[in-house]
Amino acid sequence: MSYSFIDKQKDFDELCVKLASHKYISIDTESNSLYAYKEKFCLMQLSSEHSNAVIDTLAVDISPILPIFADPAVEKIFHSADSDIRVFKAAIKCSFVNIFDVMVAAKYLGIIKCGLDNMVKEFFKTELNKKFQKADWGRRPLTKEMLDYASCDTVYLKKLRDLLGAELEKKGRMEEAMSQFAQICKIEPTPMRFDESGFLTLKSARQLNGRGLAVLRELYIAREVAAIKKNTPSFKVISEDLMLRLSVAPREGLTNLSIFKGVSGYVLANHGAWIREALQRGLKAPEYNVPRREISREKRAYFESIKTRFKTLKLWRKETAVRRNMLPESILGNDVLERVALSQPKSLEDLLAIKGLGAEKVSLYGSELLAFVKKHHPNK
């Protein structure tokens, strides 16, 4: 299918005027999270009744399309809307109304392979080109092959929406899915924050002694500084495995850094200096002792009861998903299940107050959910 590439504000403004009168637009986004320290919104793909366009969002101001996003008369069709909406909201203040997410719809219909390429192959016998799935969309100029690839991501969304929508109507699940779509519209991006104590979450970090932890902390912080300077994701600077190996034998690292697996000539030339400095600081710093938090017997029992209740809720969700031939996450997401476990609801009113649950889900599952929890936790 032919498409237009838009990198001029005037052309984008004219496109938005046309789209405002359309009944739907299919939307996709491309970012450069694999190539930049702070992700940038690089490309937007739009398809509608008579339009198929790829927009360079690094070159144009996208604000003219925001009224369409908020217009209930125009349906916005996505695949995995939560990720795209986070990209939009991180880039500009906006709101969404009346969306349809084909991936969520597929889960409500029990379709396990609900990736866009899988569904296009299944329903339309067409193989999507995935060559540029992990491309650097922040590079300029973009090649024609990259633009061709990007333009294909929205052309099948309306056809999938119609097929899946018809099945949802047939099975009486459209209202339930629409309730989920409304919840997705409220999603907000997670602010990017660096946690200096994040090194403790690295695999095998807590097996290190106090000296090793002190070294690992310095390497972890220094790697973040290097990532910011080079504007690249921290995992692309040096690996977690290398930091852990250096933390086990920091003196050997100072003596001969090149003997460590993962230290290439490139790493030595570009990162050798700060790695050695971090090792020196870690060796001089006080040994790091993981803070111990004293938890009372009552609190420990409370947290254990929450974990047990969460497991019980997952069992209920699994049974419900099997009964309705849906994927478990389309019944209730883990985040919502956790809130239910924490809030210990006793009534439908309690359930309605839980963020992300929604009136439709409470209407569908509230009574049986409460009964299930009461049956398995009668004293809670």
Protein backbone atom coordinates (compact mmCIF):
# COMPACT_ATOMS: atom_id res chain seq x y z
CA MET A 1 0.00 0.00 0.00
CA SER A 2 1.34 3.44 -0.90
CA TYR A 3 2.03 5.98 1.82
CA SER A 4 3.19 9.55 2.21
CA PHE A 5 6.20 10.53 4.31
CA ILE A 6 5.58 13.77 6.18
CA ASP A 7 8.39 15.85 7.64
CA LYS A 8 6.95 19.33 7.01
CA GLN A 9 4.59 21.06 9.46
CA LYS A 10 2.30 22.36 6.72
CA ASP A 11 1.76 18.86 5.33
CA PHE A 12 1.03 17.45 8.77
CA ASP A 13 -1.43 20.25 9.58
CA GLU A 14 -3.30 19.52 6.33
CA LEU A 15 -3.38 15.79 7.12
CA CYS A 16 -4.89 16.46 10.55
CA VAL A 17 -7.67 18.56 9.02
CA LYS A 18 -8.59 15.61 6.80
CA LEU A 19 -8.36 13.03 9.59
CA ALA A 20 -10.68 15.04 11.85
CA SER A 21 -13.66 14.05 9.68
CA HIS A 22 -12.76 10.36 9.47
CA LYS A 23 -14.46 7.65 11.49
CA TYR A 24 -11.23 5.98 12.57
CA ILE A 25 -7.45 6.22 12.47
CA SER A 26 -5.00 3.37 13.01
CA ILE A 27 -1.93 4.43 14.98
CA ASP A 28 1.55 3.13 15.72
CA THR A 29 4.72 4.74 17.06
CA GLU A 30 8.46 4.15 16.86
CA SER A 31 11.00 5.23 19.47
CA ASN A 32 14.75 4.85 19.98
CA SER A 33 14.83 3.35 23.48
CA LEU A 34 17.52 0.84 22.44
CA TYR A 35 19.84 3.61 21.24
CA ALA A 36 19.42 6.64 23.53
CA TYR A 37 19.74 7.21 27.26
CA LYS A 38 16.39 8.99 27.30
CA GLU A 39 13.92 7.61 24.79
CA LYS A 40 12.66 9.93 22.04
CA PHE A 41 9.41 9.69 20.11
CA CYS A 42 10.77 9.39 16.57
CA LEU A 43 8.02 8.31 14.20
CA MET A 44 4.23 8.09 14.03
CA GLN A 45 2.33 5.95 11.55
CA LEU A 46 -1.30 6.78 10.70
CA SER A 47 -3.78 4.96 8.46
CA SER A 48 -7.41 5.83 7.80
CA GLU A 49 -10.08 5.49 5.12
CA HIS A 50 -8.14 7.35 2.47
CA SER A 51 -4.77 8.04 4.09
CA ASN A 52 -1.60 6.15 4.96
CA ALA A 53 1.19 8.30 6.32
CA VAL A 54 4.48 8.07 8.18
CA ILE A 55 5.25 11.22 10.16
CA ASP A 56 8.69 12.32 11.32
CA THR A 57 7.88 13.40 14.87
CA LEU A 58 11.39 14.78 15.31
CA ALA A 59 10.62 17.30 12.55
CA VAL A 60 6.99 18.28 13.20
CA ASP A 61 4.90 19.44 16.14
CA ILE A 62 2.22 16.77 16.66
CA SER A 63 -0.14 18.96 18.70
CA PRO A 64 -2.61 19.45 15.77
CA ILE A 65 -3.63 15.79 16.07
CA LEU A 66 -4.34 15.93 19.82
CA PRO A 67 -8.00 17.04 19.42
CA ILE A 68 -8.57 13.91 17.29
CA PHE A 69 -7.11 11.72 20.03
CA ALA A 70 -9.65 13.21 22.45
CA ASP A 71 -12.58 13.13 19.99
CA PRO A 72 -15.10 10.37 20.88
CA ALA A 73 -16.42 10.44 17.29
CA VAL A 74 -13.10 9.13 15.92
CA GLU A 75 -12.04 5.62 16.90
CA LYS A 76 -8.30 5.23 17.47
CA ILE A 77 -7.08 1.72 16.64
CA PHE A 78 -3.84 0.35 18.18
CA HIS A 79 -1.97 -2.85 18.69
CA SER A 80 -0.74 -2.77 22.31
CA ALA A 81 -2.13 0.69 23.01
CA ASP A 82 -0.61 0.98 26.47
CA SER A 83 2.93 1.26 25.09
CA ASP A 84 1.97 3.76 22.36
CA ILE A 85 -0.09 5.91 24.73
CA ARG A 86 2.84 6.04 27.16
CA VAL A 87 5.06 7.26 24.30
CA PHE A 88 2.58 10.01 23.41
CA LYS A 89 2.04 11.14 26.99
CA ALA A 90 5.78 11.19 27.70
CA ALA A 91 6.28 13.45 24.68
CA ILE A 92 3.32 15.83 25.05
CA LYS A 93 0.36 16.47 27.32
CA CYS A 94 -2.59 14.67 25.75
CA SER A 95 -5.61 12.48 26.41
CA PHE A 96 -7.29 9.62 24.58
CA VAL A 97 -10.94 8.71 24.20
CA ASN A 98 -12.54 5.87 22.20
CA ILE A 99 -9.69 3.48 21.43
CA PHE A 100 -9.70 -0.11 20.19
CA ASP A 101 -6.72 -2.31 21.00
CA VAL A 102 -6.54 -5.35 18.70
CA MET A 103 -4.05 -7.13 20.98
CA VAL A 104 -6.32 -6.79 24.01
CA ALA A 105 -9.31 -7.86 21.89
CA ALA A 106 -7.40 -10.97 20.82
CA LYS A 107 -6.70 -11.86 24.46
CA TYR A 108 -10.40 -11.49 25.26
CA LEU A 109 -11.03 -14.04 22.52
CA GLY A 110 -8.43 -16.50 23.81
CA ILE A 111 -5.96 -15.95 20.96
CA ILE A 112 -2.56 -16.90 22.40
CA LYS A 113 -0.36 -15.69 19.54
CA CYS A 114 -1.60 -12.11 19.53
CA GLY A 115 1.49 -10.31 18.20
CA LEU A 116 0.71 -8.18 15.14
CA ASP A 117 2.86 -10.30 12.82
CA ASN A 118 1.26 -13.51 14.10
CA MET A 119 -2.28 -12.23 13.61
CA VAL A 120 -1.59 -10.78 10.15
CA LYS A 121 -0.14 -14.14 9.12
CA GLU A 122 -3.05 -16.06 10.64
CA PHE A 123 -5.90 -13.94 9.28
CA PHE A 124 -4.47 -12.56 6.03
CA LYS A 125 -1.79 -15.12 5.12
CA THR A 126 0.75 -12.33 4.87
CA GLU A 127 4.27 -12.23 6.37
CA LEU A 128 5.20 -8.85 7.84
CA ASN A 129 8.81 -7.78 7.45
CA LYS A 130 10.35 -7.61 10.95
CA LYS A 131 13.84 -6.66 9.78
CA PHE A 132 13.70 -3.23 11.42
CA GLN A 133 11.91 -4.21 14.62
CA LYS A 134 14.93 -3.09 16.66
CA ALA A 135 16.14 -0.34 14.33
CA ASP A 136 17.45 3.03 15.45
CA TRP A 137 14.47 5.23 14.58
CA GLY A 138 16.29 8.29 15.82
CA ARG A 139 18.76 8.21 12.93
CA ARG A 140 18.33 10.65 10.08
CA PRO A 141 17.88 10.34 7.21
CA LEU A 142 15.69 7.25 7.41
CA THR A 143 16.11 4.84 4.52
CA LYS A 144 13.24 4.07 2.17
CA GLU A 145 13.33 0.46 3.36
CA MET A 146 12.85 1.59 6.97
CA LEU A 147 9.93 3.82 5.99
CA ASP A 148 8.37 1.02 3.95
CA TYR A 149 8.62 -1.24 6.99
CA ALA A 150 7.07 1.37 9.31
CA SER A 151 4.17 2.06 6.97
CA CYS A 152 3.00 -1.58 7.14
CA ASP A 153 2.39 -1.54 10.88
CA THR A 154 -0.97 0.25 10.64
CA VAL A 155 -2.49 -0.93 7.35
CA TYR A 156 -3.93 -4.14 8.84
CA LEU A 157 -5.22 -2.71 12.12
CA LYS A 158 -8.68 -1.73 10.82
CA LYS A 159 -9.23 -5.16 9.23
CA LEU A 160 -8.20 -6.84 12.48
CA ARG A 161 -10.43 -4.49 14.45
CA ASP A 162 -13.44 -5.46 12.32
CA LEU A 163 -12.76 -9.20 12.57
CA LEU A 164 -12.05 -9.21 16.29
CA GLY A 165 -14.79 -6.71 17.03
CA ALA A 166 -17.36 -8.94 15.32
CA GLU A 167 -16.21 -11.89 17.44
CA LEU A 168 -16.39 -9.83 20.63
CA GLU A 169 -19.96 -8.84 19.75
CA LYS A 170 -20.85 -12.43 18.92
CA LYS A 171 -19.53 -13.67 22.28
CA GLY A 172 -21.08 -10.75 24.19
CA ARG A 173 -17.69 -9.41 25.31
CA MET A 174 -17.55 -6.04 23.56
CA GLU A 175 -18.66 -4.00 26.58
CA GLU A 176 -16.13 -5.77 28.76
CA ALA A 177 -13.35 -5.06 26.25
CA MET A 178 -14.45 -1.44 25.86
CA SER A 179 -14.22 -1.03 29.63
CA GLN A 180 -10.62 -2.26 29.44
CA PHE A 181 -9.89 0.15 26.58
CA ALA A 182 -11.16 3.01 28.74
CA GLN A 183 -8.75 1.97 31.51
CA ILE A 184 -5.85 1.90 29.04
CA CYS A 185 -6.65 5.50 28.05
CA LYS A 186 -5.80 6.54 31.62
CA ILE A 187 -2.30 5.01 31.57
CA GLU A 188 0.52 7.43 32.39
CA PRO A 189 4.24 7.04 31.58
CA THR A 190 6.59 6.09 34.40
CA PRO A 191 9.03 8.94 35.11
CA MET A 192 12.64 8.02 34.43
CA ARG A 193 14.58 8.01 37.70
CA PHE A 194 17.96 6.55 38.54
CA ASP A 195 18.06 4.65 41.82
CA GLU A 196 21.59 4.51 43.27
CA SER A 197 20.66 1.44 45.29
CA GLY A 198 19.52 -0.37 42.15
CA PHE A 199 22.77 -2.32 42.07
CA LEU A 200 21.36 -4.51 44.85
CA THR A 201 18.74 -5.85 42.42
CA LEU A 202 21.35 -7.18 39.97
CA LYS A 203 21.50 -10.95 39.70
CA SER A 204 23.87 -12.46 42.29
CA ALA A 205 24.67 -9.02 43.78
CA ARG A 206 23.69 -10.08 47.29
CA GLN A 207 26.14 -12.98 47.13
CA LEU A 208 29.01 -10.46 47.18
CA ASN A 209 30.77 -9.56 50.41
CA GLY A 210 30.82 -6.03 51.80
CA ARG A 211 33.88 -5.01 49.75
CA GLY A 212 32.40 -6.43 46.56
CA LEU A 213 29.15 -4.53 47.13
CA ALA A 214 31.07 -1.29 47.67
CA VAL A 215 32.86 -1.81 44.33
CA LEU A 216 29.65 -2.78 42.53
CA ARG A 217 27.92 0.36 43.81
CA GLU A 218 30.69 2.58 42.40
CA LEU A 219 30.65 0.77 39.04
CA TYR A 220 26.86 0.97 38.84
CA ILE A 221 26.80 4.73 39.46
CA ALA A 222 29.76 5.39 37.16
CA ARG A 223 28.15 3.39 34.36
CA GLU A 224 25.06 5.59 34.57
CA VAL A 225 27.20 8.73 34.31
CA ALA A 226 28.94 7.27 31.25
CA ALA A 227 25.57 6.38 29.68
CA ILE A 228 24.34 9.95 30.12
CA LYS A 229 27.52 11.40 28.59
CA LYS A 230 27.32 9.10 25.57
CA ASN A 231 23.51 9.32 25.34
CA THR A 232 23.14 5.55 25.23
CA PRO A 233 21.21 3.03 27.36
CA SER A 234 23.25 1.97 30.38
CA PHE A 235 23.11 -1.73 29.43
CA LYS A 236 24.99 -0.87 26.24
CA VAL A 237 27.91 0.71 28.12
CA ILE A 238 29.11 -2.39 29.99
CA SER A 239 27.10 -5.44 31.02
CA GLU A 240 25.84 -6.32 34.47
CA ASP A 241 27.85 -9.55 34.28
CA LEU A 242 31.08 -7.63 33.75
CA MET A 243 30.35 -5.34 36.69
CA LEU A 244 29.75 -8.36 38.90
CA ARG A 245 32.95 -10.10 37.76
CA LEU A 246 34.95 -6.94 38.46
CA SER A 247 33.34 -6.64 41.89
CA VAL A 248 34.51 -10.14 42.79
CA ALA A 249 38.13 -9.34 41.84
CA PRO A 250 38.56 -5.54 41.81
CA ARG A 251 42.34 -5.57 42.42
CA GLU A 252 42.87 -7.82 39.41
CA GLY A 253 40.76 -5.37 37.43
CA LEU A 254 43.06 -2.52 38.39
CA THR A 255 46.15 -4.57 37.50
CA ASN A 256 44.96 -5.93 34.15
CA LEU A 257 41.46 -5.01 33.05
CA SER A 258 41.79 -6.79 29.72
CA ILE A 259 41.79 -10.28 31.28
CA PHE A 260 38.09 -9.96 32.12
CA LYS A 261 35.53 -11.46 29.77
CA GLY A 262 33.57 -8.65 28.13
CA VAL A 263 36.44 -6.14 28.12
CA SER A 264 37.07 -5.63 24.42
CA GLY A 265 39.41 -3.15 22.83
CA TYR A 266 36.45 -0.80 22.44
CA VAL A 267 35.58 -1.06 26.13
CA LEU A 268 39.20 -0.41 27.13
CA ALA A 269 39.49 2.62 24.86
CA ASN A 270 36.12 4.19 25.71
CA HIS A 271 35.42 3.10 29.28
CA GLY A 272 38.70 1.83 30.75
CA ALA A 273 39.54 5.07 32.57
CA TRP A 274 36.27 5.46 34.49
CA ILE A 275 36.09 1.73 35.23
CA ARG A 276 39.51 1.87 36.93
CA GLU A 277 38.51 5.02 38.82
CA ALA A 278 35.32 3.32 40.02
CA LEU A 279 37.30 0.27 41.14
CA GLN A 280 39.67 2.50 43.12
CA ARG A 281 36.78 4.31 44.81
CA GLY A 282 35.13 1.01 45.65
CA LEU A 283 38.31 -0.34 47.22
CA LYS A 284 38.74 2.80 49.34
CA ALA A 285 35.10 3.14 50.37
CA PRO A 286 33.73 1.54 53.55
CA GLU A 287 32.41 -1.95 53.03
CA TYR A 288 28.76 -1.88 52.04
CA ASN A 289 26.39 -3.71 54.34
CA VAL A 290 22.89 -4.33 53.09
CA PRO A 291 20.52 -2.52 55.47
CA ARG A 292 18.46 -4.91 57.52
CA ARG A 293 14.90 -3.96 58.18
CA GLU A 294 13.44 -5.41 61.30
CA ILE A 295 9.94 -6.67 60.59
CA SER A 296 7.68 -7.53 63.46
CA ARG A 297 6.00 -10.91 63.61
CA GLU A 298 2.64 -9.22 63.03
CA LYS A 299 3.84 -7.41 59.90
CA ARG A 300 5.49 -10.52 58.54
CA ALA A 301 2.26 -12.45 59.03
CA TYR A 302 0.33 -9.64 57.31
CA PHE A 303 2.63 -9.64 54.25
CA GLU A 304 2.45 -13.43 54.05
CA SER A 305 -1.34 -13.24 54.08
CA ILE A 306 -1.26 -10.75 51.20
CA LYS A 307 0.99 -13.06 49.19
CA THR A 308 -1.29 -16.00 49.89
CA ARG A 309 -4.37 -14.00 48.92
CA PHE A 310 -2.68 -12.91 45.67
CA LYS A 311 -1.94 -16.56 44.80
CA THR A 312 -5.57 -17.41 45.53
CA LEU A 313 -6.75 -14.61 43.24
CA LYS A 314 -4.49 -15.90 40.46
CA LEU A 315 -6.09 -19.31 40.86
CA TRP A 316 -9.56 -17.74 40.54
CA ARG A 317 -8.39 -15.81 37.46
CA LYS A 318 -7.01 -18.95 35.83
CA GLU A 319 -10.23 -20.89 36.43
CA THR A 320 -12.29 -17.99 35.10
CA ALA A 321 -10.10 -17.64 32.00
CA VAL A 322 -10.44 -21.35 31.21
CA ARG A 323 -14.20 -21.19 31.65
CA ARG A 324 -14.54 -18.17 29.37
CA ASN A 325 -11.81 -19.22 26.88
CA MET A 326 -9.86 -16.00 27.44
CA LEU A 327 -6.26 -15.28 28.33
CA PRO A 328 -5.84 -14.77 32.12
CA GLU A 329 -4.51 -11.20 31.80
CA SER A 330 -7.71 -10.20 29.99
CA ILE A 331 -9.71 -11.14 33.09
CA LEU A 332 -7.66 -8.94 35.44
CA GLY A 333 -4.06 -7.77 35.19
CA ASN A 334 -1.50 -8.61 37.88
CA ASP A 335 -1.40 -4.99 39.02
CA VAL A 336 -5.16 -5.01 39.66
CA LEU A 337 -5.00 -8.41 41.36
CA GLU A 338 -2.31 -7.07 43.69
CA ARG A 339 -4.52 -4.10 44.60
CA VAL A 340 -7.43 -6.44 45.31
CA ALA A 341 -5.19 -8.56 47.55
CA LEU A 342 -3.92 -5.49 49.40
CA SER A 343 -7.30 -3.83 49.87
CA GLN A 344 -9.01 -6.96 51.24
CA PRO A 345 -12.43 -5.97 49.82
CA LYS A 346 -15.55 -7.11 51.66
CA SER A 347 -18.19 -5.67 49.31
CA LEU A 348 -18.85 -4.59 45.73
CA GLU A 349 -18.43 -0.98 46.88
CA ASP A 350 -14.93 -1.84 48.12
CA LEU A 351 -14.13 -3.35 44.71
CA LEU A 352 -15.41 -0.28 42.86
CA ALA A 353 -12.92 1.85 44.81
CA ILE A 354 -9.93 -0.17 43.52
CA LYS A 355 -7.95 1.65 40.85
CA GLY A 356 -8.01 -0.01 37.44
CA LEU A 357 -10.86 -2.42 38.20
CA GLY A 358 -13.77 -0.47 36.75
CA ALA A 359 -17.53 -0.88 36.99
CA GLU A 360 -17.74 -3.35 34.10
CA LYS A 361 -15.28 -5.78 35.71
CA VAL A 362 -16.98 -5.42 39.09
CA SER A 363 -20.35 -6.15 37.46
CA LEU A 364 -18.94 -9.22 35.71
CA TYR A 365 -16.69 -10.69 38.39
CA GLY A 366 -17.33 -8.88 41.67
CA SER A 367 -19.69 -11.29 43.38
CA GLU A 368 -17.86 -14.47 42.39
CA LEU A 369 -14.48 -12.91 43.22
CA LEU A 370 -15.65 -11.96 46.72
CA ALA A 371 -17.20 -15.39 47.22
CA PHE A 372 -14.03 -17.13 46.07
CA VAL A 373 -11.81 -15.14 48.45
CA LYS A 374 -14.25 -15.64 51.34
CA LYS A 375 -14.28 -19.39 50.67
CA HIS A 376 -10.49 -19.68 50.71
CA HIS A 377 -9.84 -17.03 53.38
CA PRO A 378 -12.93 -17.14 55.60
CA ASN A 379 -11.30 -15.23 58.47
CA LYS A 380 -9.79 -12.43 56.38
